[in-house]
């Protein structure tokens, strides 16, 4: 199944966090936080303004992004978990 976000929404797959700290300490599952980094899997057409024009999004498929911790809606498609965010919830593109 293929998902295409609408308007200014973006479909993001979370990147897995490291299981160890730099010092070598293993982090248990109960202490892990959800990652705030992900890869853009699909983007909508853009934001529709009041005059009817469409402004394209700044992010594109394949971009690695940082997003707000509690933003977006979690969805499961074909057994894979994704996050649907508005472009405003994306804080930065990692280059």
N, C-alpha and C. Protein backbone atom coordinates (compact mmCIF):
# COMPACT_ATOMS: atom_id res chain seq x y z
N UNK A 1 0.85 -1.17 0.00
CA UNK A 1 0.00 0.00 0.00
C UNK A 1 0.90 1.24 0.00
N UNK A 2 0.53 2.23 -0.79
CA UNK A 2 1.30 3.45 -0.88
C UNK A 2 0.49 4.59 -0.26
N UNK A 3 1.15 5.44 0.49
CA UNK A 3 0.49 6.56 1.16
C UNK A 3 1.04 7.86 0.60
N UNK A 4 0.13 8.78 0.25
CA UNK A 4 0.53 10.10 -0.21
C UNK A 4 -0.11 11.13 0.72
N UNK A 5 0.70 11.86 1.48
CA UNK A 5 0.16 12.88 2.38
C UNK A 5 -0.52 14.00 1.60
N UNK A 6 -1.45 14.65 2.22
CA UNK A 6 -2.17 15.76 1.59
C UNK A 6 -1.57 17.10 1.99
N UNK A 7 -1.68 18.06 1.10
CA UNK A 7 -1.29 19.46 1.31
C UNK A 7 0.12 19.61 1.86
N UNK A 8 0.26 20.17 3.08
CA UNK A 8 1.60 20.46 3.62
C UNK A 8 2.04 19.40 4.63
N UNK A 9 1.54 18.19 4.47
CA UNK A 9 1.92 17.11 5.39
C UNK A 9 3.04 16.26 4.80
N UNK A 10 3.79 15.62 5.69
CA UNK A 10 4.97 14.84 5.31
C UNK A 10 4.91 13.50 6.04
N UNK A 11 5.22 12.40 5.34
CA UNK A 11 5.28 11.07 5.93
C UNK A 11 6.73 10.77 6.27
N UNK A 12 7.02 10.51 7.54
CA UNK A 12 8.39 10.33 8.02
C UNK A 12 8.51 8.97 8.70
N UNK A 13 9.61 8.28 8.41
CA UNK A 13 9.94 7.04 9.11
C UNK A 13 11.03 7.37 10.12
N UNK A 14 10.76 7.07 11.40
CA UNK A 14 11.73 7.37 12.45
C UNK A 14 13.01 6.58 12.28
N UNK A 15 14.14 7.18 12.60
CA UNK A 15 15.42 6.48 12.63
C UNK A 15 15.61 5.90 14.01
N UNK A 16 16.18 4.74 14.10
CA UNK A 16 16.40 4.08 15.38
C UNK A 16 17.53 4.77 16.14
N UNK A 17 17.34 4.92 17.44
CA UNK A 17 18.36 5.51 18.30
C UNK A 17 19.44 4.47 18.60
N UNK A 18 20.59 4.95 19.00
CA UNK A 18 21.70 4.08 19.37
C UNK A 18 21.33 3.31 20.64
N UNK A 19 21.79 2.06 20.73
CA UNK A 19 21.53 1.24 21.91
C UNK A 19 22.58 1.46 22.99
N UNK A 20 23.70 2.10 22.63
CA UNK A 20 24.78 2.37 23.57
C UNK A 20 25.10 3.85 23.57
N UNK A 21 25.57 4.33 24.72
CA UNK A 21 26.07 5.70 24.78
C UNK A 21 27.50 5.71 24.26
N UNK A 22 28.07 6.89 24.09
CA UNK A 22 29.45 6.98 23.62
C UNK A 22 30.41 6.33 24.60
N UNK A 23 30.05 6.32 25.88
CA UNK A 23 30.89 5.72 26.90
C UNK A 23 30.76 4.20 26.98
N UNK A 24 29.84 3.61 26.20
CA UNK A 24 29.69 2.16 26.17
C UNK A 24 28.58 1.62 27.05
N UNK A 25 27.79 2.49 27.67
CA UNK A 25 26.69 2.05 28.53
C UNK A 25 25.51 1.67 27.65
N UNK A 26 24.95 0.49 27.89
CA UNK A 26 23.79 0.02 27.11
C UNK A 26 22.52 0.60 27.73
N UNK A 27 21.68 1.19 26.88
CA UNK A 27 20.45 1.83 27.34
C UNK A 27 19.32 0.80 27.28
N UNK A 28 18.62 0.53 28.41
CA UNK A 28 17.51 -0.42 28.38
C UNK A 28 16.30 0.18 27.65
N UNK A 29 15.41 -0.69 27.16
CA UNK A 29 14.23 -0.24 26.42
C UNK A 29 13.36 0.71 27.23
N UNK A 30 13.27 0.51 28.53
CA UNK A 30 12.40 1.34 29.36
C UNK A 30 12.93 2.76 29.50
N UNK A 31 14.21 2.98 29.30
CA UNK A 31 14.81 4.31 29.46
C UNK A 31 14.95 5.06 28.13
N UNK A 32 14.67 4.38 27.02
CA UNK A 32 14.83 5.01 25.71
C UNK A 32 13.71 5.99 25.44
N UNK A 33 14.04 7.09 24.77
CA UNK A 33 13.04 8.02 24.31
C UNK A 33 12.82 7.79 22.83
N UNK A 34 11.68 8.21 22.33
CA UNK A 34 11.42 8.07 20.91
C UNK A 34 12.36 8.99 20.15
N UNK A 35 12.92 8.52 19.05
CA UNK A 35 13.85 9.35 18.28
C UNK A 35 13.15 10.55 17.66
N UNK A 36 13.89 11.65 17.52
CA UNK A 36 13.35 12.85 16.89
C UNK A 36 13.98 13.08 15.52
N UNK A 37 14.60 12.03 14.98
CA UNK A 37 15.17 12.08 13.64
C UNK A 37 14.44 11.08 12.77
N UNK A 38 14.34 11.41 11.50
CA UNK A 38 13.69 10.48 10.59
C UNK A 38 14.03 10.79 9.15
N UNK A 39 13.54 9.92 8.28
CA UNK A 39 13.74 10.08 6.84
C UNK A 39 12.38 10.32 6.20
N UNK A 40 12.30 11.33 5.35
CA UNK A 40 11.06 11.66 4.66
C UNK A 40 10.78 10.59 3.61
N UNK A 41 9.63 9.94 3.73
CA UNK A 41 9.24 8.88 2.80
C UNK A 41 8.33 9.42 1.69
N UNK A 42 7.48 10.41 2.01
CA UNK A 42 6.57 10.98 1.01
C UNK A 42 6.18 12.38 1.45
N UNK A 43 5.88 13.25 0.49
CA UNK A 43 5.47 14.62 0.79
C UNK A 43 4.18 14.95 0.04
N UNK A 44 3.41 15.89 0.60
CA UNK A 44 2.20 16.36 -0.06
C UNK A 44 2.55 17.35 -1.16
N UNK A 45 1.53 17.87 -1.81
CA UNK A 45 1.73 18.80 -2.93
C UNK A 45 2.19 20.18 -2.48
N UNK A 46 1.84 20.59 -1.27
CA UNK A 46 2.23 21.90 -0.78
C UNK A 46 1.08 22.58 -0.06
N UNK A 47 1.40 23.72 0.54
CA UNK A 47 0.41 24.47 1.30
C UNK A 47 -0.45 25.29 0.34
N UNK A 48 -1.77 25.23 0.51
CA UNK A 48 -2.69 26.00 -0.31
C UNK A 48 -2.97 27.31 0.41
N UNK A 49 -2.67 28.41 -0.25
CA UNK A 49 -2.90 29.73 0.32
C UNK A 49 -4.35 30.16 0.12
N UNK A 50 -4.72 31.27 0.74
CA UNK A 50 -6.10 31.76 0.65
C UNK A 50 -6.50 32.12 -0.78
N UNK A 51 -5.53 32.57 -1.59
CA UNK A 51 -5.86 32.95 -2.97
C UNK A 51 -5.87 31.74 -3.92
N UNK A 52 -5.63 30.54 -3.38
CA UNK A 52 -5.71 29.31 -4.18
C UNK A 52 -4.39 28.83 -4.75
N UNK A 53 -3.33 29.61 -4.60
CA UNK A 53 -2.03 29.17 -5.10
C UNK A 53 -1.42 28.15 -4.15
N UNK A 54 -0.58 27.29 -4.70
CA UNK A 54 0.05 26.23 -3.91
C UNK A 54 1.53 26.56 -3.74
N UNK A 55 1.99 26.59 -2.48
CA UNK A 55 3.39 26.81 -2.17
C UNK A 55 4.06 25.46 -1.96
N UNK A 56 5.06 25.11 -2.77
CA UNK A 56 5.71 23.80 -2.61
C UNK A 56 6.45 23.69 -1.27
N UNK A 57 6.66 22.45 -0.82
CA UNK A 57 7.34 22.21 0.45
C UNK A 57 8.85 22.33 0.29
N UNK A 58 9.54 22.64 1.40
CA UNK A 58 11.00 22.75 1.39
C UNK A 58 11.69 21.40 1.49
N UNK A 59 10.99 20.39 2.02
CA UNK A 59 11.59 19.07 2.15
C UNK A 59 11.18 18.19 0.98
N UNK A 60 11.98 17.15 0.72
CA UNK A 60 11.67 16.22 -0.37
C UNK A 60 11.92 14.80 0.13
N UNK A 61 11.48 13.83 -0.63
CA UNK A 61 11.66 12.43 -0.26
C UNK A 61 13.15 12.12 -0.13
N UNK A 62 13.50 11.39 0.92
CA UNK A 62 14.89 11.01 1.15
C UNK A 62 15.63 11.94 2.08
N UNK A 63 15.08 13.13 2.40
CA UNK A 63 15.73 14.05 3.33
C UNK A 63 15.73 13.47 4.74
N UNK A 64 16.84 13.65 5.45
CA UNK A 64 16.94 13.27 6.85
C UNK A 64 16.59 14.52 7.66
N UNK A 65 15.60 14.42 8.55
CA UNK A 65 15.08 15.60 9.23
C UNK A 65 15.04 15.42 10.75
N UNK A 66 15.03 16.55 11.44
CA UNK A 66 14.76 16.62 12.88
C UNK A 66 13.36 17.18 13.04
N UNK A 67 12.56 16.59 13.93
CA UNK A 67 11.20 17.08 14.11
C UNK A 67 10.90 17.22 15.59
N UNK A 68 9.83 17.95 15.90
CA UNK A 68 9.48 18.19 17.30
C UNK A 68 9.08 16.88 17.97
N UNK A 69 9.40 16.78 19.25
CA UNK A 69 9.26 15.53 19.99
C UNK A 69 7.82 15.01 20.03
N UNK A 70 6.87 15.89 20.24
CA UNK A 70 5.48 15.44 20.41
C UNK A 70 4.60 15.82 19.23
N UNK A 71 5.19 16.16 18.09
CA UNK A 71 4.41 16.55 16.92
C UNK A 71 3.98 15.35 16.10
N UNK A 72 2.97 15.54 15.29
CA UNK A 72 2.57 14.53 14.32
C UNK A 72 1.63 13.47 14.86
N UNK A 73 1.24 12.59 13.95
CA UNK A 73 0.34 11.48 14.24
C UNK A 73 1.01 10.19 13.82
N UNK A 74 1.05 9.22 14.71
CA UNK A 74 1.66 7.93 14.39
C UNK A 74 0.66 7.06 13.64
N UNK A 75 1.13 6.45 12.54
CA UNK A 75 0.30 5.55 11.76
C UNK A 75 1.10 4.30 11.43
N UNK A 76 0.40 3.20 11.19
CA UNK A 76 1.06 1.95 10.82
C UNK A 76 0.55 1.54 9.45
N UNK A 77 1.48 1.41 8.50
CA UNK A 77 1.12 1.06 7.12
C UNK A 77 1.93 -0.16 6.72
N UNK A 78 1.26 -1.25 6.42
CA UNK A 78 1.94 -2.46 5.99
C UNK A 78 2.93 -2.99 7.02
N UNK A 79 2.63 -2.84 8.30
CA UNK A 79 3.50 -3.34 9.35
C UNK A 79 4.64 -2.41 9.71
N UNK A 80 4.77 -1.27 9.04
CA UNK A 80 5.83 -0.30 9.34
C UNK A 80 5.20 0.93 9.98
N UNK A 81 5.85 1.43 11.05
CA UNK A 81 5.33 2.61 11.73
C UNK A 81 5.90 3.88 11.10
N UNK A 82 5.02 4.83 10.85
CA UNK A 82 5.38 6.12 10.29
C UNK A 82 4.81 7.23 11.16
N UNK A 83 5.21 8.44 10.85
CA UNK A 83 4.72 9.63 11.51
C UNK A 83 4.27 10.59 10.42
N UNK A 84 3.05 11.11 10.53
CA UNK A 84 2.58 12.13 9.60
C UNK A 84 2.67 13.47 10.31
N UNK A 85 3.48 14.36 9.73
CA UNK A 85 3.75 15.68 10.32
C UNK A 85 3.34 16.78 9.37
N UNK A 86 3.02 17.94 9.91
CA UNK A 86 2.92 19.13 9.08
C UNK A 86 4.35 19.61 8.85
N UNK A 87 4.57 20.32 7.77
CA UNK A 87 5.91 20.82 7.50
C UNK A 87 6.39 21.74 8.63
N UNK A 88 5.47 22.42 9.31
CA UNK A 88 5.83 23.31 10.42
C UNK A 88 6.44 22.56 11.60
N UNK A 89 6.13 21.26 11.74
CA UNK A 89 6.67 20.45 12.84
C UNK A 89 8.10 20.00 12.58
N UNK A 90 8.57 20.15 11.34
CA UNK A 90 9.94 19.79 11.00
C UNK A 90 10.85 20.96 11.36
N UNK A 91 11.85 20.69 12.19
CA UNK A 91 12.71 21.74 12.69
C UNK A 91 13.91 22.01 11.81
N UNK A 92 14.47 20.95 11.19
CA UNK A 92 15.67 21.11 10.39
C UNK A 92 15.86 19.92 9.46
N UNK A 93 16.61 20.17 8.38
CA UNK A 93 17.04 19.11 7.48
C UNK A 93 18.51 18.85 7.76
N UNK A 94 18.88 17.58 7.99
CA UNK A 94 20.27 17.22 8.27
C UNK A 94 20.97 16.96 6.95
N UNK A 95 22.04 17.70 6.70
CA UNK A 95 22.77 17.54 5.44
C UNK A 95 24.08 16.85 5.65
